[in-house]
């Protein structure tokens, strides 16, 4: 249990520094398996199934809010006996990592937004989430499974990463329909946290992919410009799943950041 929510998490690796890995929308801790294994050679690594994903519950909430997810993660850190960590969030997990840093500042000693954003949803993005809810409620979740996983990868990597794409599609189908709708509502309702991120007093890193279909280069550059205090790193030959598409490059960037905040 993490607070009042049954949560699955993995706690492995070694070292005094703790790295918290938070997955994205319709993912689970399995998405980090190889990357976490590599990190675990130097660091203690904690991966969490966020509420409504994997084997974690969500308490039947109609809206699975980002702040609720962050509070749940803080409770996981309590259960694991972790006082402070570097929070690394992929996509939706980045929203949660940032909320954790803002709402539980004593728990976070470093923040990494991995293919993520401090921005609130644009009206267009929020409308897209509502359309996904309509698909799920109409019993057409398989459409998300067909489209979303592949869109996360650069076109040049689709064949090489076919197995990972297939595993992500399976994860979509395994996720409860009500949970998907709740998470979508939570993301659509989250606040803009640009100012809050600028006010954080911890080292920050933003990692972007040059071929990201969800965060195009101009959008990423605008985010970086809005957060001058944050370090910025670019992954060549990667879309929205850089830790799978370019694991060695991703690991080197993250390890350098972790070394800098010791």
C-alpha atoms as a PDB file:
ATOM      1  CA  UNK A   1       0.000   0.000   0.000  1.00  0.00           C
ATOM      2  CA  UNK A   2       1.065   3.578  -0.744  1.00  0.00           C
ATOM      3  CA  UNK A   3      -1.263   5.783   1.245  1.00  0.00           C
ATOM      4  CA  UNK A   4      -4.691   4.315   0.511  1.00  0.00           C
ATOM      5  CA  UNK A   5      -3.661   2.931  -2.899  1.00  0.00           C
ATOM      6  CA  UNK A   6      -2.296  -0.589  -3.555  1.00  0.00           C
ATOM      7  CA  UNK A   7       0.802   0.025  -5.685  1.00  0.00           C
ATOM      8  CA  UNK A   8       3.373  -2.191  -7.333  1.00  0.00           C
ATOM      9  CA  UNK A   9       6.942  -0.950  -7.338  1.00  0.00           C
ATOM     10  CA  UNK A  10      10.385  -2.389  -7.935  1.00  0.00           C
ATOM     11  CA  UNK A  11      13.385  -1.545  -5.761  1.00  0.00           C
ATOM     12  CA  UNK A  12      16.738  -2.767  -7.039  1.00  0.00           C
ATOM     13  CA  UNK A  13      20.304  -1.788  -7.786  1.00  0.00           C
ATOM     14  CA  UNK A  14      22.919  -0.466  -5.439  1.00  0.00           C
ATOM     15  CA  UNK A  15      24.503   2.791  -4.380  1.00  0.00           C
ATOM     16  CA  UNK A  16      23.659   5.686  -2.084  1.00  0.00           C
ATOM     17  CA  UNK A  17      21.981   7.762  -4.769  1.00  0.00           C
ATOM     18  CA  UNK A  18      18.378   6.840  -5.505  1.00  0.00           C
ATOM     19  CA  UNK A  19      16.877   7.203  -8.974  1.00  0.00           C
ATOM     20  CA  UNK A  20      13.085   7.137  -9.249  1.00  0.00           C
ATOM     21  CA  UNK A  21      11.804   6.133 -12.709  1.00  0.00           C
ATOM     22  CA  UNK A  22       8.218   7.109 -13.542  1.00  0.00           C
ATOM     23  CA  UNK A  23       6.719   5.698 -16.740  1.00  0.00           C
ATOM     24  CA  UNK A  24       4.420   7.378 -19.236  1.00  0.00           C
ATOM     25  CA  UNK A  25       0.766   7.034 -20.194  1.00  0.00           C
ATOM     26  CA  UNK A  26      -0.337   3.432 -20.828  1.00  0.00           C
ATOM     27  CA  UNK A  27       3.041   2.063 -19.755  1.00  0.00           C
ATOM     28  CA  UNK A  28       4.226   0.216 -16.638  1.00  0.00           C
ATOM     29  CA  UNK A  29       7.461  -0.535 -14.824  1.00  0.00           C
ATOM     30  CA  UNK A  30       8.285  -3.142 -17.483  1.00  0.00           C
ATOM     31  CA  UNK A  31       9.050  -0.347 -19.943  1.00  0.00           C
ATOM     32  CA  UNK A  32      12.130   0.511 -17.855  1.00  0.00           C
ATOM     33  CA  UNK A  33      13.423  -3.065 -17.502  1.00  0.00           C
ATOM     34  CA  UNK A  34      16.651  -2.839 -19.505  1.00  0.00           C
ATOM     35  CA  UNK A  35      17.323   0.821 -18.737  1.00  0.00           C
ATOM     36  CA  UNK A  36      16.782   0.315 -15.004  1.00  0.00           C
ATOM     37  CA  UNK A  37      19.069  -2.703 -15.085  1.00  0.00           C
ATOM     38  CA  UNK A  38      21.872  -0.616 -16.567  1.00  0.00           C
ATOM     39  CA  UNK A  39      21.316   2.207 -14.063  1.00  0.00           C
ATOM     40  CA  UNK A  40      21.248  -0.290 -11.211  1.00  0.00           C
ATOM     41  CA  UNK A  41      24.949  -1.018 -11.609  1.00  0.00           C
ATOM     42  CA  UNK A  42      25.663   2.356  -9.974  1.00  0.00           C
ATOM     43  CA  UNK A  43      22.434   3.516  -8.351  1.00  0.00           C
ATOM     44  CA  UNK A  44      19.519   2.298  -6.304  1.00  0.00           C
ATOM     45  CA  UNK A  45      16.610   2.373  -8.762  1.00  0.00           C
ATOM     46  CA  UNK A  46      12.935   2.507  -7.856  1.00  0.00           C
ATOM     47  CA  UNK A  47      10.273   2.039 -10.554  1.00  0.00           C
ATOM     48  CA  UNK A  48       6.581   2.568  -9.814  1.00  0.00           C
ATOM     49  CA  UNK A  49       3.427   1.430 -11.570  1.00  0.00           C
ATOM     50  CA  UNK A  50       1.556   4.726 -11.414  1.00  0.00           C
ATOM     51  CA  UNK A  51      -2.100   4.547 -10.299  1.00  0.00           C
ATOM     52  CA  UNK A  52      -4.305   2.997 -12.956  1.00  0.00           C
ATOM     53  CA  UNK A  53      -1.341   1.396 -14.731  1.00  0.00           C
ATOM     54  CA  UNK A  54       0.266  -2.008 -14.552  1.00  0.00           C
ATOM     55  CA  UNK A  55      -0.718  -3.698 -11.293  1.00  0.00           C
ATOM     56  CA  UNK A  56      -1.457  -0.530  -9.327  1.00  0.00           C
ATOM     57  CA  UNK A  57      -4.966   0.433  -8.261  1.00  0.00           C
ATOM     58  CA  UNK A  58      -6.540   3.891  -8.544  1.00  0.00           C
ATOM     59  CA  UNK A  59      -9.342   3.642  -6.009  1.00  0.00           C
ATOM     60  CA  UNK A  60     -12.086   3.912  -8.611  1.00  0.00           C
ATOM     61  CA  UNK A  61     -11.460   7.619  -9.094  1.00  0.00           C
ATOM     62  CA  UNK A  62     -13.199   9.205 -12.078  1.00  0.00           C
ATOM     63  CA  UNK A  63     -10.263  11.604 -12.402  1.00  0.00           C
ATOM     64  CA  UNK A  64      -6.809  10.154 -11.728  1.00  0.00           C
ATOM     65  CA  UNK A  65      -5.088  13.462 -11.121  1.00  0.00           C
ATOM     66  CA  UNK A  66      -1.390  14.158 -11.507  1.00  0.00           C
ATOM     67  CA  UNK A  67      -1.139  15.493  -7.953  1.00  0.00           C
ATOM     68  CA  UNK A  68      -2.787  12.321  -6.630  1.00  0.00           C
ATOM     69  CA  UNK A  69      -0.228  10.265  -8.550  1.00  0.00           C
ATOM     70  CA  UNK A  70       2.589  12.366  -7.057  1.00  0.00           C
ATOM     71  CA  UNK A  71       1.202  11.908  -3.528  1.00  0.00           C
ATOM     72  CA  UNK A  72       1.045   8.163  -4.160  1.00  0.00           C
ATOM     73  CA  UNK A  73       4.670   8.143  -5.309  1.00  0.00           C
ATOM     74  CA  UNK A  74       5.677  10.029  -2.160  1.00  0.00           C
ATOM     75  CA  UNK A  75       3.977   7.285  -0.142  1.00  0.00           C
ATOM     76  CA  UNK A  76       5.973   4.677  -2.107  1.00  0.00           C
ATOM     77  CA  UNK A  77       9.178   6.486  -1.142  1.00  0.00           C
ATOM     78  CA  UNK A  78       8.046   6.312   2.481  1.00  0.00           C
ATOM     79  CA  UNK A  79       7.407   2.574   2.156  1.00  0.00           C
ATOM     80  CA  UNK A  80      10.823   2.070   0.588  1.00  0.00           C
ATOM     81  CA  UNK A  81      12.577   4.133   3.251  1.00  0.00           C
ATOM     82  CA  UNK A  82      13.815   6.710   0.748  1.00  0.00           C
ATOM     83  CA  UNK A  83      14.223  10.283   1.949  1.00  0.00           C
ATOM     84  CA  UNK A  84      15.444  11.908  -1.285  1.00  0.00           C
ATOM     85  CA  UNK A  85      15.788  10.862  -4.887  1.00  0.00           C
ATOM     86  CA  UNK A  86      16.338  12.104  -8.401  1.00  0.00           C
ATOM     87  CA  UNK A  87      12.923  11.884 -10.046  1.00  0.00           C
ATOM     88  CA  UNK A  88      13.041  10.899 -13.723  1.00  0.00           C
ATOM     89  CA  UNK A  89       9.685  11.060 -15.483  1.00  0.00           C
ATOM     90  CA  UNK A  90       8.935   9.898 -18.998  1.00  0.00           C
ATOM     91  CA  UNK A  91       6.142  11.809 -20.756  1.00  0.00           C
ATOM     92  CA  UNK A  92       3.158  11.626 -18.339  1.00  0.00           C
ATOM     93  CA  UNK A  93       5.638  10.445 -15.708  1.00  0.00           C
ATOM     94  CA  UNK A  94       7.363  13.796 -16.141  1.00  0.00           C
ATOM     95  CA  UNK A  95       4.157  15.554 -15.115  1.00  0.00           C
ATOM     96  CA  UNK A  96       4.166  13.375 -11.987  1.00  0.00           C
ATOM     97  CA  UNK A  97       7.874  13.913 -11.282  1.00  0.00           C
ATOM     98  CA  UNK A  98       7.411  17.687 -11.516  1.00  0.00           C
ATOM     99  CA  UNK A  99       4.335  17.552  -9.258  1.00  0.00           C
ATOM    100  CA  UNK A 100       6.368  15.501  -6.769  1.00  0.00           C
ATOM    101  CA  UNK A 101       9.133  18.125  -6.782  1.00  0.00           C
ATOM    102  CA  UNK A 102       6.629  20.970  -6.331  1.00  0.00           C
ATOM    103  CA  UNK A 103       4.372  19.329  -3.724  1.00  0.00           C
ATOM    104  CA  UNK A 104       7.016  17.292  -1.876  1.00  0.00           C
ATOM    105  CA  UNK A 105      10.196  19.345  -2.348  1.00  0.00           C
ATOM    106  CA  UNK A 106      12.133  17.636   0.433  1.00  0.00           C
ATOM    107  CA  UNK A 107      11.893  14.321  -1.400  1.00  0.00           C
ATOM    108  CA  UNK A 108      13.532  15.446  -4.662  1.00  0.00           C
ATOM    109  CA  UNK A 109      17.202  16.316  -5.113  1.00  0.00           C
ATOM    110  CA  UNK A 110      17.142  16.337  -8.914  1.00  0.00           C
ATOM    111  CA  UNK A 111      14.450  16.462 -11.606  1.00  0.00           C
ATOM    112  CA  UNK A 112      14.561  14.989 -15.102  1.00  0.00           C
ATOM    113  CA  UNK A 113      11.771  15.545 -17.621  1.00  0.00           C
ATOM    114  CA  UNK A 114      12.318  12.821 -20.221  1.00  0.00           C
ATOM    115  CA  UNK A 115      10.283  13.634 -23.351  1.00  0.00           C
ATOM    116  CA  UNK A 116       7.951  15.613 -21.114  1.00  0.00           C
ATOM    117  CA  UNK A 117       6.728  19.142 -20.443  1.00  0.00           C
ATOM    118  CA  UNK A 118       5.810  21.588 -17.666  1.00  0.00           C
ATOM    119  CA  UNK A 119       3.059  22.988 -19.910  1.00  0.00           C
ATOM    120  CA  UNK A 120      -0.643  22.456 -19.352  1.00  0.00           C
ATOM    121  CA  UNK A 121      -2.580  20.870 -22.216  1.00  0.00           C
ATOM    122  CA  UNK A 122      -3.392  23.167 -25.091  1.00  0.00           C
ATOM    123  CA  UNK A 123      -7.099  23.270 -26.010  1.00  0.00           C
ATOM    124  CA  UNK A 124      -6.291  21.015 -28.985  1.00  0.00           C
ATOM    125  CA  UNK A 125      -4.442  18.496 -26.829  1.00  0.00           C
ATOM    126  CA  UNK A 126      -7.199  18.444 -24.221  1.00  0.00           C
ATOM    127  CA  UNK A 127      -9.770  17.864 -26.985  1.00  0.00           C
ATOM    128  CA  UNK A 128      -7.679  14.943 -28.281  1.00  0.00           C
ATOM    129  CA  UNK A 129      -7.710  13.387 -24.820  1.00  0.00           C
ATOM    130  CA  UNK A 130     -11.493  13.690 -24.682  1.00  0.00           C
ATOM    131  CA  UNK A 131     -11.709  11.930 -28.041  1.00  0.00           C
ATOM    132  CA  UNK A 132      -9.572   9.097 -26.652  1.00  0.00           C
ATOM    133  CA  UNK A 133     -11.977   8.814 -23.716  1.00  0.00           C
ATOM    134  CA  UNK A 134     -14.871   8.513 -26.168  1.00  0.00           C
ATOM    135  CA  UNK A 135     -13.050   5.733 -28.027  1.00  0.00           C
ATOM    136  CA  UNK A 136     -12.382   3.799 -24.849  1.00  0.00           C
ATOM    137  CA  UNK A 137     -15.930   4.237 -23.570  1.00  0.00           C
ATOM    138  CA  UNK A 138     -17.197   3.020 -26.956  1.00  0.00           C
ATOM    139  CA  UNK A 139     -15.211  -0.198 -26.524  1.00  0.00           C
ATOM    140  CA  UNK A 140     -12.583   0.722 -29.114  1.00  0.00           C
ATOM    141  CA  UNK A 141      -9.461   0.605 -26.974  1.00  0.00           C
ATOM    142  CA  UNK A 142      -7.753  -1.503 -29.636  1.00  0.00           C
ATOM    143  CA  UNK A 143      -7.517   1.640 -31.788  1.00  0.00           C
ATOM    144  CA  UNK A 144      -5.238   3.186 -29.160  1.00  0.00           C
ATOM    145  CA  UNK A 145      -3.188  -0.013 -29.092  1.00  0.00           C
ATOM    146  CA  UNK A 146      -2.752   0.119 -32.869  1.00  0.00           C
ATOM    147  CA  UNK A 147      -1.739   3.772 -33.095  1.00  0.00           C
ATOM    148  CA  UNK A 148      -0.207   5.108 -29.885  1.00  0.00           C
ATOM    149  CA  UNK A 149       2.777   2.777 -29.325  1.00  0.00           C
ATOM    150  CA  UNK A 150       4.239   3.142 -32.805  1.00  0.00           C
ATOM    151  CA  UNK A 151       3.781   6.914 -32.797  1.00  0.00           C
ATOM    152  CA  UNK A 152       6.190   7.068 -29.885  1.00  0.00           C
ATOM    153  CA  UNK A 153       9.115   5.921 -32.030  1.00  0.00           C
ATOM    154  CA  UNK A 154      11.041   7.676 -34.769  1.00  0.00           C
ATOM    155  CA  UNK A 155      10.115   6.334 -38.195  1.00  0.00           C
ATOM    156  CA  UNK A 156      13.647   5.080 -38.725  1.00  0.00           C
ATOM    157  CA  UNK A 157      13.388   2.956 -35.563  1.00  0.00           C
ATOM    158  CA  UNK A 158      10.043   1.258 -36.169  1.00  0.00           C
ATOM    159  CA  UNK A 159      11.447  -1.991 -37.555  1.00  0.00           C
ATOM    160  CA  UNK A 160      14.314  -2.223 -35.056  1.00  0.00           C
ATOM    161  CA  UNK A 161      11.972  -1.556 -32.114  1.00  0.00           C
ATOM    162  CA  UNK A 162       9.067  -3.699 -33.331  1.00  0.00           C
ATOM    163  CA  UNK A 163       9.202  -5.992 -30.284  1.00  0.00           C
ATOM    164  CA  UNK A 164       9.034  -3.059 -27.865  1.00  0.00           C
ATOM    165  CA  UNK A 165       6.132  -1.560 -29.822  1.00  0.00           C
ATOM    166  CA  UNK A 166       4.278  -4.859 -29.593  1.00  0.00           C
ATOM    167  CA  UNK A 167       4.825  -5.008 -25.824  1.00  0.00           C
ATOM    168  CA  UNK A 168       3.496  -1.477 -25.428  1.00  0.00           C
ATOM    169  CA  UNK A 169       0.415  -2.393 -27.467  1.00  0.00           C
ATOM    170  CA  UNK A 170      -0.200  -5.319 -25.119  1.00  0.00           C
ATOM    171  CA  UNK A 171       0.082  -2.968 -22.155  1.00  0.00           C
ATOM    172  CA  UNK A 172      -2.622  -0.738 -23.624  1.00  0.00           C
ATOM    173  CA  UNK A 173      -4.975  -3.699 -23.926  1.00  0.00           C
ATOM    174  CA  UNK A 174      -4.227  -4.788 -20.345  1.00  0.00           C
ATOM    175  CA  UNK A 175      -5.036  -1.375 -18.863  1.00  0.00           C
ATOM    176  CA  UNK A 176      -8.524  -1.040 -17.405  1.00  0.00           C
ATOM    177  CA  UNK A 177     -10.861   1.088 -19.536  1.00  0.00           C
ATOM    178  CA  UNK A 178     -12.036   3.168 -16.575  1.00  0.00           C
ATOM    179  CA  UNK A 179      -8.454   3.780 -15.533  1.00  0.00           C
ATOM    180  CA  UNK A 180      -7.514   4.985 -19.030  1.00  0.00           C
ATOM    181  CA  UNK A 181     -10.402   7.452 -19.002  1.00  0.00           C
ATOM    182  CA  UNK A 182      -9.472   8.638 -15.509  1.00  0.00           C
ATOM    183  CA  UNK A 183      -5.835   9.194 -16.427  1.00  0.00           C
ATOM    184  CA  UNK A 184      -6.815  11.103 -19.571  1.00  0.00           C
ATOM    185  CA  UNK A 185      -9.062  13.385 -17.515  1.00  0.00           C
ATOM    186  CA  UNK A 186      -6.246  13.910 -15.016  1.00  0.00           C
ATOM    187  CA  UNK A 187      -3.763  14.898 -17.712  1.00  0.00           C
ATOM    188  CA  UNK A 188      -6.271  17.222 -19.410  1.00  0.00           C
ATOM    189  CA  UNK A 189      -6.952  18.998 -16.111  1.00  0.00           C
ATOM    190  CA  UNK A 190      -3.382  19.406 -14.891  1.00  0.00           C
ATOM    191  CA  UNK A 191      -2.119  22.968 -14.315  1.00  0.00           C
ATOM    192  CA  UNK A 192       0.668  24.769 -16.094  1.00  0.00           C
ATOM    193  CA  UNK A 193       3.792  24.367 -13.966  1.00  0.00           C
ATOM    194  CA  UNK A 194       6.321  26.505 -15.838  1.00  0.00           C
ATOM    195  CA  UNK A 195       6.609  29.080 -13.073  1.00  0.00           C
ATOM    196  CA  UNK A 196       6.724  26.388 -10.385  1.00  0.00           C
ATOM    197  CA  UNK A 197       9.513  24.612 -12.234  1.00  0.00           C
ATOM    198  CA  UNK A 198      11.535  27.812 -12.513  1.00  0.00           C
ATOM    199  CA  UNK A 199      11.240  28.283  -8.757  1.00  0.00           C
ATOM    200  CA  UNK A 200      12.548  24.846  -7.822  1.00  0.00           C
ATOM    201  CA  UNK A 201      15.891  24.857  -6.044  1.00  0.00           C
ATOM    202  CA  UNK A 202      17.183  21.533  -7.425  1.00  0.00           C
ATOM    203  CA  UNK A 203      19.172  20.690 -10.567  1.00  0.00           C
ATOM    204  CA  UNK A 204      16.907  20.093 -13.546  1.00  0.00           C
ATOM    205  CA  UNK A 205      17.402  18.322 -16.858  1.00  0.00           C
ATOM    206  CA  UNK A 206      15.134  18.184 -19.894  1.00  0.00           C
ATOM    207  CA  UNK A 207      15.797  15.453 -22.483  1.00  0.00           C
ATOM    208  CA  UNK A 208      14.268  15.718 -25.954  1.00  0.00           C
ATOM    209  CA  UNK A 209      14.322  13.543 -29.072  1.00  0.00           C
ATOM    210  CA  UNK A 210      15.157  15.066 -32.431  1.00  0.00           C
ATOM    211  CA  UNK A 211      12.441  12.979 -34.117  1.00  0.00           C
ATOM    212  CA  UNK A 212       9.703  13.132 -31.469  1.00  0.00           C
ATOM    213  CA  UNK A 213       6.203  12.991 -32.969  1.00  0.00           C
ATOM    214  CA  UNK A 214       4.646  14.278 -29.741  1.00  0.00           C
ATOM    215  CA  UNK A 215       7.098  17.086 -28.917  1.00  0.00           C
ATOM    216  CA  UNK A 216       8.478  18.486 -32.198  1.00  0.00           C
ATOM    217  CA  UNK A 217      11.800  20.308 -32.091  1.00  0.00           C
ATOM    218  CA  UNK A 218      10.278  23.842 -32.205  1.00  0.00           C
ATOM    219  CA  UNK A 219       8.032  23.009 -29.232  1.00  0.00           C
ATOM    220  CA  UNK A 220      10.962  21.521 -27.321  1.00  0.00           C
ATOM    221  CA  UNK A 221      13.121  24.566 -28.044  1.00  0.00           C
ATOM    222  CA  UNK A 222      10.350  26.833 -26.747  1.00  0.00           C
ATOM    223  CA  UNK A 223      10.149  24.781 -23.543  1.00  0.00           C
ATOM    224  CA  UNK A 224      13.891  24.959 -23.069  1.00  0.00           C
ATOM    225  CA  UNK A 225      13.845  28.725 -23.601  1.00  0.00           C
ATOM    226  CA  UNK A 226      11.118  29.057 -20.961  1.00  0.00           C
ATOM    227  CA  UNK A 227      13.272  27.112 -18.454  1.00  0.00           C
ATOM    228  CA  UNK A 228      16.725  28.751 -18.672  1.00  0.00           C
ATOM    229  CA  UNK A 229      17.783  27.245 -15.334  1.00  0.00           C
ATOM    230  CA  UNK A 230      17.415  23.674 -16.642  1.00  0.00           C
ATOM    231  CA  UNK A 231      20.037  21.699 -18.480  1.00  0.00           C
ATOM    232  CA  UNK A 232      18.910  20.493 -21.900  1.00  0.00           C
ATOM    233  CA  UNK A 233      20.049  17.386 -23.775  1.00  0.00           C
ATOM    234  CA  UNK A 234      19.069  16.133 -27.224  1.00  0.00           C
ATOM    235  CA  UNK A 235      18.881  12.543 -28.401  1.00  0.00           C
ATOM    236  CA  UNK A 236      19.745  12.098 -32.053  1.00  0.00           C
ATOM    237  CA  UNK A 237      17.833   9.365 -33.838  1.00  0.00           C
ATOM    238  CA  UNK A 238      15.144   9.160 -31.160  1.00  0.00           C
ATOM    239  CA  UNK A 239      11.454   9.893 -31.016  1.00  0.00           C
ATOM    240  CA  UNK A 240       9.447   9.894 -27.781  1.00  0.00           C
ATOM    241  CA  UNK A 241      10.960   6.686 -26.365  1.00  0.00           C
ATOM    242  CA  UNK A 242      14.625   7.628 -26.224  1.00  0.00           C
ATOM    243  CA  UNK A 243      15.578   5.250 -23.413  1.00  0.00           C
ATOM    244  CA  UNK A 244      14.493   2.387 -25.696  1.00  0.00           C
ATOM    245  CA  UNK A 245      15.519   3.856 -29.055  1.00  0.00           C
ATOM    246  CA  UNK A 246      18.909   5.204 -27.931  1.00  0.00           C
ATOM    247  CA  UNK A 247      19.613   3.539 -24.561  1.00  0.00           C
ATOM    248  CA  UNK A 248      23.375   4.093 -24.461  1.00  0.00           C
ATOM    249  CA  UNK A 249      23.102   7.780 -25.304  1.00  0.00           C
ATOM    250  CA  UNK A 250      20.256   8.187 -22.802  1.00  0.00           C
ATOM    251  CA  UNK A 251      22.200   6.403 -20.071  1.00  0.00           C
ATOM    252  CA  UNK A 252      25.277   8.571 -20.645  1.00  0.00           C
ATOM    253  CA  UNK A 253      23.230  11.790 -20.430  1.00  0.00           C
ATOM    254  CA  UNK A 254      21.455  10.718 -17.256  1.00  0.00           C
ATOM    255  CA  UNK A 255      24.614   9.384 -15.586  1.00  0.00           C
ATOM    256  CA  UNK A 256      26.446  12.658 -16.248  1.00  0.00           C
ATOM    257  CA  UNK A 257      23.555  14.549 -14.663  1.00  0.00           C
ATOM    258  CA  UNK A 258      23.460  12.266 -11.628  1.00  0.00           C
ATOM    259  CA  UNK A 259      27.220  12.606 -11.167  1.00  0.00           C
ATOM    260  CA  UNK A 260      26.918  16.395 -11.242  1.00  0.00           C
ATOM    261  CA  UNK A 261      24.492  16.505  -8.302  1.00  0.00           C
ATOM    262  CA  UNK A 262      26.324  14.219  -5.900  1.00  0.00           C
END
